[in-house]
Structure formats: C-alpha cells, structure tokens
Amino acid sequence: MPQSRRIDVAALGELVVDLIPARAADGSACLAPKPGGAPGNVAVGVARLGGHAAMLSKVGDDAFGRLLIETLTANGVGTEAVLTTRAGATSIAVVTVAPDGEREFLIYRKGSADSIYAAEDVAADVIRSARILHVGSLWLGEPICGAAQRHAVRTAHEAGALVSVDVNLRPALWRSEGEMRAAALEAAEEADILKVAAHELALMTDTADVEQAVARLPSRRRRLLAVTFGAGGAMLVSRDRRVQIPGIAVKVVDTVGCGDAFMASLLADIAARGADFASEERLAGIGRRAVAAGAFAATAAGAMDGLPTSAQRDALLLAAQSVRRIERKPERSVES
C-alpha cells in the first residue's frame, strides 16, 4: 500500500475494547464499550494533536473490531494496515475504577486477533514512511505477534526511523514476572525513546532508587527516557540533560489512557520538531506539554475519549502555569 505522505507515528500493537463501569438509562450498573489498547490510544492521541498517525494491528471480524477501526478512522488515523480476521476475536478488557480514579484491568486476549498478527502481516511500507515506530512490550509475550514486533522494529531501524517504546506492563497477562521483566528489558534495549512508569522502572531494574534504576536500564540506542510518576509529574532524561516536570492537579474521573496521552504528546512534539534534546529548555517544554496531556486525559472516562487536542492540552498547561506563578508571588508588605 504506497504511502502518499510522510507518517509522523506508526503505532504497532494491540487494539482493545475497554468495558468500563457506567449507568444505564434506568440507573442500573452496566459496562460501556470504549475503544482502547495502548498503541491505538497513542495513534489517536498523535492525530488529535495534529500529527499524521497510522495503526498496524489485527482485529476480529466482529462488532468490537468494527468499532475500533471506525474510531481510529474518525480521528484521522490511517487504518489501511489494520487487518481483520475471523480466526480470532477482538481483545476486550474489563476495567474497574477505584474511588480515587485508579484502574485495574481484566483483559481477555488469549487466541485474540491481535495475538496472531504475524511477521508477514507487517506493512513494511507504512513503517518505512514513518518518522517514529511506536510499540509496547505486551506482544513480546506471544510467539506470533512477538516475531511480528521484532520484524517491525528491525524494519524501522533499517529505514532510519526512531523506535519508541512504552513498556506498559500488565502483570495479569504474563505467565511469570520474570518473563514480563525480560520482555520489558528487550523492548527497552531497542528503544530510541523509552517511557516507563516509576513502578515499572523499579521492577525492571530491581531497585526503587530512581537514579540507580536509570543507570541500570539498557541504553544502547536510547536518546530519551521519560519516567512518569502519576500525579507527581515526570522526569525526562536525554544523553546529557535531565529535567523534572511537576504534575498538574485536575479533577480525576479515571486514569485510563493518561500514560498514552503523555506518550502521544511526547511523540507528536518529537515528530514535529526533531529529536535534538541538547537544550534543557526544549526538553522541559516537551515534558510540560506531555504532563499536561496526561493530566487532561484523567478528566474524562475511557482511554480515547480523554485524549486532548493541542488547544485543550495547551490551555490546561497555561492555566497550571498561571496558578504556579500566583503561588510563587511573594506577599507585598503594606507600609502604614
């Protein structure tokens, strides 16, 4: 499938329909289907921020698969490389949300359509047309889609594209913690741009000390590392710069998709402005916008529904910066 224009971010990985808690018209509890899947969320997030995104995946020939493709298309994501099959159903995740907005996932993907996405399914021309290939670590836990991801990453490296990784660990989907950790470290080693949550970083490196953990991470190719701390903001580390970005307080509805919104903003900025992180000011700028995108996502239910446009992200960031300026302003003494 020839590409007529350059793709900013090609996301490869699982597409999932999240079933989230909701209320029916009569007030009874129910589960509402919401399109999701971390790589798909990132693709939609990039498109909403004005970038050109494409998705590579496989869904079932079913209502949930059609919902995912329709949602991606409606948000401007290229879906030519999203395949449909009757050999497996679309993955689903039952999401529960605690009173503080934190979420837990019960994911059903054994034998799913995306788990049988094979190396020969990879649309190499889409990857070669992309500035950035974005992947996770979940697919590395299955032989067929794991081989496909490794092939896609090699194709990206050979084409000179950047490889972005969000390890996005889901312990319930792995046979053992050791296997999950090995997959996360493998994905991290291939990454030019790597995002990990603080608890993922600790698991991958066997230490809760962030400084030690960063030093222990594989860094053969890495240009940028983003460590996220939930409401506590993030830290961005390039080869010669390090910046700490404070969190932004918002009224939390749920935290589904916050990390994906953060990642989408980061990648949209890098695709638009390049991967030069020598300037601390530039590094802090992309970090602040990414934190704002993640905070905005917490204000809406569902993963894709909460992904901001650039105007929404930047308005929240501006409001947060105004609040901080007021809080830092010294009190003036009044002379009698």
Protein backbone atom coordinates (compact mmCIF):
# COMPACT_ATOMS: atom_id res chain seq x y z
CA MET A 1 0.00 0.00 0.00
CA PRO A 2 2.01 3.02 -1.21
CA GLN A 3 2.14 5.99 1.16
CA SER A 4 1.49 9.40 -0.38
CA ARG A 5 2.76 11.41 2.60
CA ARG A 6 5.11 11.09 5.49
CA ILE A 7 3.72 9.45 8.64
CA ASP A 8 4.73 11.03 11.93
CA VAL A 9 4.00 8.00 14.12
CA ALA A 10 3.15 4.44 13.12
CA ALA A 11 1.84 2.53 16.14
CA LEU A 12 2.02 -1.25 16.18
CA GLY A 13 0.31 -3.43 18.76
CA GLU A 14 -2.91 -4.39 20.45
CA LEU A 15 -6.29 -2.80 19.84
CA VAL A 16 -8.70 -3.47 22.70
CA VAL A 17 -12.27 -2.56 23.58
CA ASP A 18 -12.39 -1.47 27.23
CA LEU A 19 -15.62 -2.26 29.06
CA ILE A 20 -15.85 0.48 31.67
CA PRO A 21 -18.34 0.98 34.52
CA ALA A 22 -21.37 3.05 33.51
CA ARG A 23 -25.04 3.60 34.31
CA ALA A 24 -27.92 2.59 32.06
CA ALA A 25 -30.86 4.92 31.45
CA ASP A 26 -32.76 3.26 34.30
CA GLY A 27 -29.85 3.82 36.68
CA SER A 28 -28.67 0.21 36.77
CA ALA A 29 -24.97 -0.60 36.60
CA CYS A 30 -23.59 -1.71 33.26
CA LEU A 31 -20.38 -1.83 31.24
CA ALA A 32 -19.92 0.60 28.33
CA PRO A 33 -17.61 -0.31 25.42
CA LYS A 34 -14.82 2.20 24.86
CA PRO A 35 -12.15 1.84 22.16
CA GLY A 36 -8.66 1.42 23.58
CA GLY A 37 -5.40 -0.51 23.55
CA ALA A 38 -2.25 1.42 24.42
CA PRO A 39 -0.72 1.64 20.90
CA GLY A 40 -4.09 2.62 19.42
CA ASN A 41 -4.54 5.29 22.07
CA VAL A 42 -1.15 6.75 21.17
CA ALA A 43 -2.03 6.81 17.46
CA VAL A 44 -5.30 8.65 18.16
CA GLY A 45 -3.51 10.98 20.58
CA VAL A 46 -0.95 11.95 17.94
CA ALA A 47 -3.68 12.58 15.38
CA ARG A 48 -5.69 14.76 17.78
CA LEU A 49 -2.59 16.83 18.37
CA GLY A 50 -2.31 17.48 14.65
CA GLY A 51 0.14 14.75 13.67
CA HIS A 52 -0.22 12.13 10.95
CA ALA A 53 -0.58 8.70 12.57
CA ALA A 54 -1.12 5.18 11.26
CA MET A 55 -2.00 1.94 13.03
CA LEU A 56 -0.73 -1.59 12.40
CA SER A 57 -2.74 -4.33 14.11
CA LYS A 58 -5.36 -7.03 13.65
CA VAL A 59 -8.93 -7.15 14.97
CA GLY A 60 -11.71 -9.67 14.81
CA ASP A 61 -14.40 -9.58 12.14
CA ASP A 62 -16.90 -8.56 14.80
CA ALA A 63 -18.74 -5.54 16.19
CA PHE A 64 -15.87 -4.55 18.50
CA GLY A 65 -13.34 -4.77 15.67
CA ARG A 66 -15.51 -2.53 13.52
CA LEU A 67 -15.90 -0.08 16.41
CA LEU A 68 -12.13 0.19 16.75
CA ILE A 69 -11.50 0.74 13.04
CA GLU A 70 -14.33 3.29 12.80
CA THR A 71 -12.99 5.19 15.83
CA LEU A 72 -9.45 5.29 14.51
CA THR A 73 -10.66 6.46 11.10
CA ALA A 74 -12.93 9.12 12.63
CA ASN A 75 -9.94 10.51 14.49
CA GLY A 76 -7.81 10.73 11.37
CA VAL A 77 -5.60 7.67 11.99
CA GLY A 78 -4.62 5.66 8.93
CA THR A 79 -6.16 2.18 9.18
CA GLU A 80 -5.04 0.64 5.89
CA ALA A 81 -2.66 -1.61 7.87
CA VAL A 82 -5.30 -2.73 10.41
CA LEU A 83 -6.26 -6.25 9.34
CA THR A 84 -9.50 -8.11 10.04
CA THR A 85 -9.76 -11.84 10.68
CA ARG A 86 -12.32 -14.49 11.59
CA ALA A 87 -9.61 -16.64 13.18
CA GLY A 88 -9.76 -14.71 16.46
CA ALA A 89 -11.98 -12.23 18.27
CA THR A 90 -11.16 -8.63 19.14
CA SER A 91 -9.46 -8.30 22.53
CA ILE A 92 -11.55 -6.91 25.39
CA ALA A 93 -10.63 -5.53 28.82
CA VAL A 94 -12.98 -5.20 31.76
CA VAL A 95 -11.94 -2.06 33.63
CA THR A 96 -12.71 -1.33 37.26
CA VAL A 97 -12.11 2.16 38.64
CA ALA A 98 -11.41 2.87 42.33
CA PRO A 99 -12.83 5.99 44.05
CA ASP A 100 -9.51 7.80 43.50
CA GLY A 101 -9.69 7.15 39.75
CA GLU A 102 -7.02 4.43 39.65
CA ARG A 103 -7.93 1.49 37.43
CA GLU A 104 -7.47 -2.25 37.19
CA PHE A 105 -7.80 -4.35 34.04
CA LEU A 106 -9.09 -7.87 33.47
CA ILE A 107 -8.01 -8.48 29.89
CA TYR A 108 -9.28 -11.24 27.61
CA ARG A 109 -6.93 -11.76 24.68
CA LYS A 110 -5.99 -15.44 24.64
CA GLY A 111 -6.29 -16.52 21.00
CA SER A 112 -7.35 -12.99 20.07
CA ALA A 113 -7.00 -11.49 16.63
CA ASP A 114 -4.03 -9.32 17.54
CA SER A 115 -2.17 -12.25 19.13
CA ILE A 116 -2.00 -13.92 15.69
CA TYR A 117 -0.68 -10.84 13.89
CA ALA A 118 2.33 -12.37 12.13
CA ALA A 119 5.59 -11.07 10.67
CA GLU A 120 4.16 -11.43 7.15
CA ASP A 121 1.28 -9.16 8.19
CA VAL A 122 3.62 -6.23 8.87
CA ALA A 123 3.08 -3.41 6.38
CA ALA A 124 6.74 -2.57 5.89
CA ASP A 125 5.96 0.36 3.58
CA VAL A 126 3.98 2.06 6.37
CA ILE A 127 6.91 1.69 8.77
CA ARG A 128 9.40 2.95 6.18
CA SER A 129 7.21 6.01 5.66
CA ALA A 130 7.19 6.82 9.39
CA ARG A 131 9.42 9.10 11.41
CA ILE A 132 8.67 7.05 14.54
CA LEU A 133 7.53 3.46 15.11
CA HIS A 134 5.78 3.11 18.48
CA VAL A 135 5.43 -0.27 20.22
CA GLY A 136 4.89 -1.75 23.69
CA SER A 137 6.08 -4.95 25.36
CA LEU A 138 2.83 -6.94 25.56
CA TRP A 139 3.19 -8.54 22.13
CA LEU A 140 6.60 -9.96 23.07
CA GLY A 141 4.80 -12.40 25.37
CA GLU A 142 3.28 -14.30 22.43
CA PRO A 143 5.30 -16.16 19.76
CA ILE A 144 3.44 -15.00 16.65
CA CYS A 145 2.88 -11.31 17.38
CA GLY A 146 6.24 -11.19 19.20
CA ALA A 147 8.01 -12.20 15.99
CA ALA A 148 5.98 -9.59 14.12
CA GLN A 149 7.05 -6.83 16.52
CA ARG A 150 10.72 -7.80 16.29
CA HIS A 151 10.47 -7.74 12.49
CA ALA A 152 8.77 -4.34 12.56
CA VAL A 153 11.44 -2.89 14.87
CA ARG A 154 14.24 -4.18 12.62
CA THR A 155 12.47 -2.65 9.62
CA ALA A 156 12.23 0.71 11.40
CA HIS A 157 15.90 0.69 12.39
CA GLU A 158 16.95 -0.20 8.84
CA ALA A 159 14.79 2.64 7.47
CA GLY A 160 16.32 5.17 9.88
CA ALA A 161 13.12 5.69 11.85
CA LEU A 162 13.12 6.21 15.59
CA VAL A 163 11.68 3.41 17.72
CA SER A 164 9.50 4.46 20.64
CA VAL A 165 8.60 2.06 23.46
CA ASP A 166 6.13 2.31 26.32
CA VAL A 167 6.64 -0.93 28.26
CA ASN A 168 3.09 -0.66 29.71
CA LEU A 169 3.37 -3.70 31.98
CA ARG A 170 0.23 -5.72 32.75
CA PRO A 171 1.29 -8.48 35.21
CA ALA A 172 -2.00 -10.39 34.93
CA LEU A 173 -1.26 -11.15 31.26
CA TRP A 174 2.10 -12.80 31.85
CA ARG A 175 2.93 -16.34 32.89
CA SER A 176 5.58 -15.04 35.30
CA GLU A 177 7.08 -11.78 36.49
CA GLY A 178 10.45 -12.92 35.15
CA GLU A 179 9.08 -13.37 31.66
CA MET A 180 7.40 -9.96 31.79
CA ARG A 181 10.61 -8.31 33.03
CA ALA A 182 12.67 -9.96 30.27
CA ALA A 183 10.25 -8.70 27.60
CA ALA A 184 10.31 -5.19 29.04
CA LEU A 185 14.11 -5.14 29.03
CA GLU A 186 14.21 -6.48 25.47
CA ALA A 187 11.85 -3.75 24.29
CA ALA A 188 13.81 -1.10 26.21
CA GLU A 189 17.07 -2.15 24.58
CA GLU A 190 15.64 -1.46 21.11
CA ALA A 191 14.20 1.94 22.05
CA ASP A 192 15.41 5.34 20.90
CA ILE A 193 12.60 6.85 23.01
CA LEU A 194 11.53 4.98 26.14
CA LYS A 195 8.70 5.64 28.60
CA VAL A 196 8.33 3.79 31.88
CA ALA A 197 6.21 4.43 34.95
CA ALA A 198 8.22 4.62 38.18
CA HIS A 199 6.90 1.27 39.42
CA GLU A 200 7.79 -0.35 36.08
CA LEU A 201 11.29 1.09 36.29
CA ALA A 202 11.72 -0.42 39.76
CA LEU A 203 10.53 -3.83 38.58
CA MET A 204 12.81 -3.80 35.54
CA THR A 205 15.93 -2.82 37.47
CA ASP A 206 15.39 -4.38 40.92
CA THR A 207 15.71 -1.06 42.72
CA ALA A 208 13.31 1.64 43.88
CA ASP A 209 16.12 4.22 43.73
CA VAL A 210 15.32 6.17 40.57
CA GLU A 211 18.92 7.32 39.96
CA GLN A 212 20.27 3.78 40.23
CA ALA A 213 17.41 2.41 38.13
CA VAL A 214 18.05 4.86 35.29
CA ALA A 215 21.73 3.91 35.29
CA ARG A 216 20.87 0.20 35.09
CA LEU A 217 18.45 0.46 32.14
CA PRO A 218 19.71 -0.69 28.73
CA SER A 219 20.80 2.39 26.78
CA ARG A 220 22.45 1.11 23.60
CA ARG A 221 20.28 3.26 21.34
CA ARG A 222 18.37 5.46 23.73
CA ARG A 223 18.12 9.19 23.10
CA LEU A 224 15.33 9.98 25.54
CA LEU A 225 13.90 8.35 28.67
CA ALA A 226 10.66 9.51 30.27
CA VAL A 227 9.87 8.29 33.77
CA THR A 228 6.31 9.08 34.89
CA PHE A 229 5.14 9.43 38.50
CA GLY A 230 1.37 9.66 38.06
CA ALA A 231 0.09 12.81 39.75
CA GLY A 232 3.70 13.61 40.65
CA GLY A 233 4.64 14.53 37.08
CA ALA A 234 7.59 13.13 35.14
CA MET A 235 11.34 13.16 34.64
CA LEU A 236 12.91 13.38 31.19
CA VAL A 237 16.47 12.19 30.69
CA SER A 238 18.44 12.68 27.47
CA ARG A 239 22.08 11.76 26.91
CA ASP A 240 23.31 14.96 28.57
CA ARG A 241 20.26 16.63 30.12
CA ARG A 242 17.76 15.83 32.88
CA VAL A 243 14.61 17.78 33.77
CA GLN A 244 11.91 17.25 36.40
CA ILE A 245 8.36 18.21 35.42
CA PRO A 246 5.79 18.80 38.19
CA GLY A 247 2.33 17.27 37.98
CA ILE A 248 -0.85 19.22 37.27
CA ALA A 249 -3.79 18.92 39.65
CA VAL A 250 -7.11 18.06 37.96
CA LYS A 251 -10.43 16.56 38.98
CA VAL A 252 -9.88 12.88 38.19
CA VAL A 253 -12.63 10.88 36.50
CA ASP A 254 -10.37 7.91 35.71
CA THR A 255 -6.72 7.43 34.82
CA VAL A 256 -7.27 5.12 31.84
CA GLY A 257 -5.15 6.39 28.94
CA CYS A 258 -3.18 9.02 30.88
CA GLY A 259 0.16 7.44 30.05
CA ASP A 260 -0.84 7.09 26.41
CA ALA A 261 -1.84 10.77 26.24
CA PHE A 262 1.57 11.66 27.74
CA MET A 263 3.31 9.48 25.15
CA ALA A 264 1.29 10.85 22.25
CA SER A 265 2.23 14.42 23.15
CA LEU A 266 5.88 13.48 23.52
CA LEU A 267 5.97 11.77 20.12
CA ALA A 268 3.94 14.46 18.33
CA ASP A 269 6.44 17.06 19.55
CA ILE A 270 9.45 14.96 18.52
CA ALA A 271 7.98 14.22 15.08
CA ALA A 272 7.24 17.90 14.52
CA ARG A 273 10.41 19.41 15.98
CA GLY A 274 13.07 16.70 15.74
CA ALA A 275 14.92 14.56 18.27
CA ASP A 276 17.54 17.09 19.40
CA PHE A 277 17.43 17.16 23.20
CA ALA A 278 20.61 19.13 23.84
CA SER A 279 18.64 22.14 25.08
CA GLU A 280 17.29 21.88 28.63
CA GLU A 281 14.60 24.42 27.72
CA ARG A 282 13.41 22.30 24.79
CA LEU A 283 13.42 19.15 26.92
CA ALA A 284 11.40 20.86 29.62
CA GLY A 285 8.94 22.21 27.04
CA ILE A 286 8.07 18.83 25.58
CA GLY A 287 7.91 17.40 29.10
CA ARG A 288 5.47 20.05 30.32
CA ARG A 289 3.19 19.54 27.33
CA ALA A 290 3.28 15.75 27.82
CA VAL A 291 2.38 16.05 31.52
CA ALA A 292 -0.48 18.40 30.62
CA ALA A 293 -1.78 15.91 28.05
CA GLY A 294 -1.69 13.11 30.61
CA ALA A 295 -3.48 15.25 33.20
CA PHE A 296 -6.18 16.22 30.71
CA ALA A 297 -6.83 12.54 29.94
CA ALA A 298 -7.70 11.95 33.60
CA THR A 299 -10.67 14.32 33.33
CA ALA A 300 -12.74 12.04 31.04
CA ALA A 301 -13.89 8.42 31.19
CA GLY A 302 -12.36 6.00 28.71
CA ALA A 303 -8.98 5.93 27.03
CA MET A 304 -9.55 7.54 23.63
CA ASP A 305 -12.31 9.88 24.80
CA GLY A 306 -9.91 11.71 27.10
CA LEU A 307 -7.11 12.33 24.62
CA PRO A 308 -6.68 16.10 24.15
CA THR A 309 -6.33 18.31 21.15
CA SER A 310 -3.34 20.63 21.18
CA ALA A 311 -5.62 23.53 22.15
CA GLN A 312 -7.01 21.61 25.14
CA ARG A 313 -3.58 20.46 26.27
CA ASP A 314 -2.01 23.89 25.95
CA ALA A 315 -4.93 25.62 27.70
CA LEU A 316 -4.56 23.31 30.71
CA LEU A 317 -0.81 23.87 30.77
CA LEU A 318 -1.26 27.66 30.60
CA ALA A 319 -3.79 27.58 33.44
CA ALA A 320 -1.46 25.45 35.57
CA GLN A 321 1.48 27.77 34.94
CA SER A 322 -0.65 30.78 35.88
CA VAL A 323 -1.59 29.12 39.18
CA ARG A 324 2.06 28.38 39.95
CA ARG A 325 3.06 31.98 39.24
CA ILE A 326 0.41 33.21 41.66
CA GLU A 327 1.51 30.71 44.31
CA ARG A 328 5.15 31.77 43.97
CA LYS A 329 4.38 35.51 44.02
CA PRO A 330 5.75 37.00 47.29
CA GLU A 331 3.37 38.85 49.55
CA ARG A 332 3.83 42.62 49.45
CA SER A 333 4.21 44.40 52.76
CA VAL A 334 1.88 47.29 53.34
CA GLU A 335 3.52 50.39 54.83
CA SER A 336 1.40 52.34 57.33
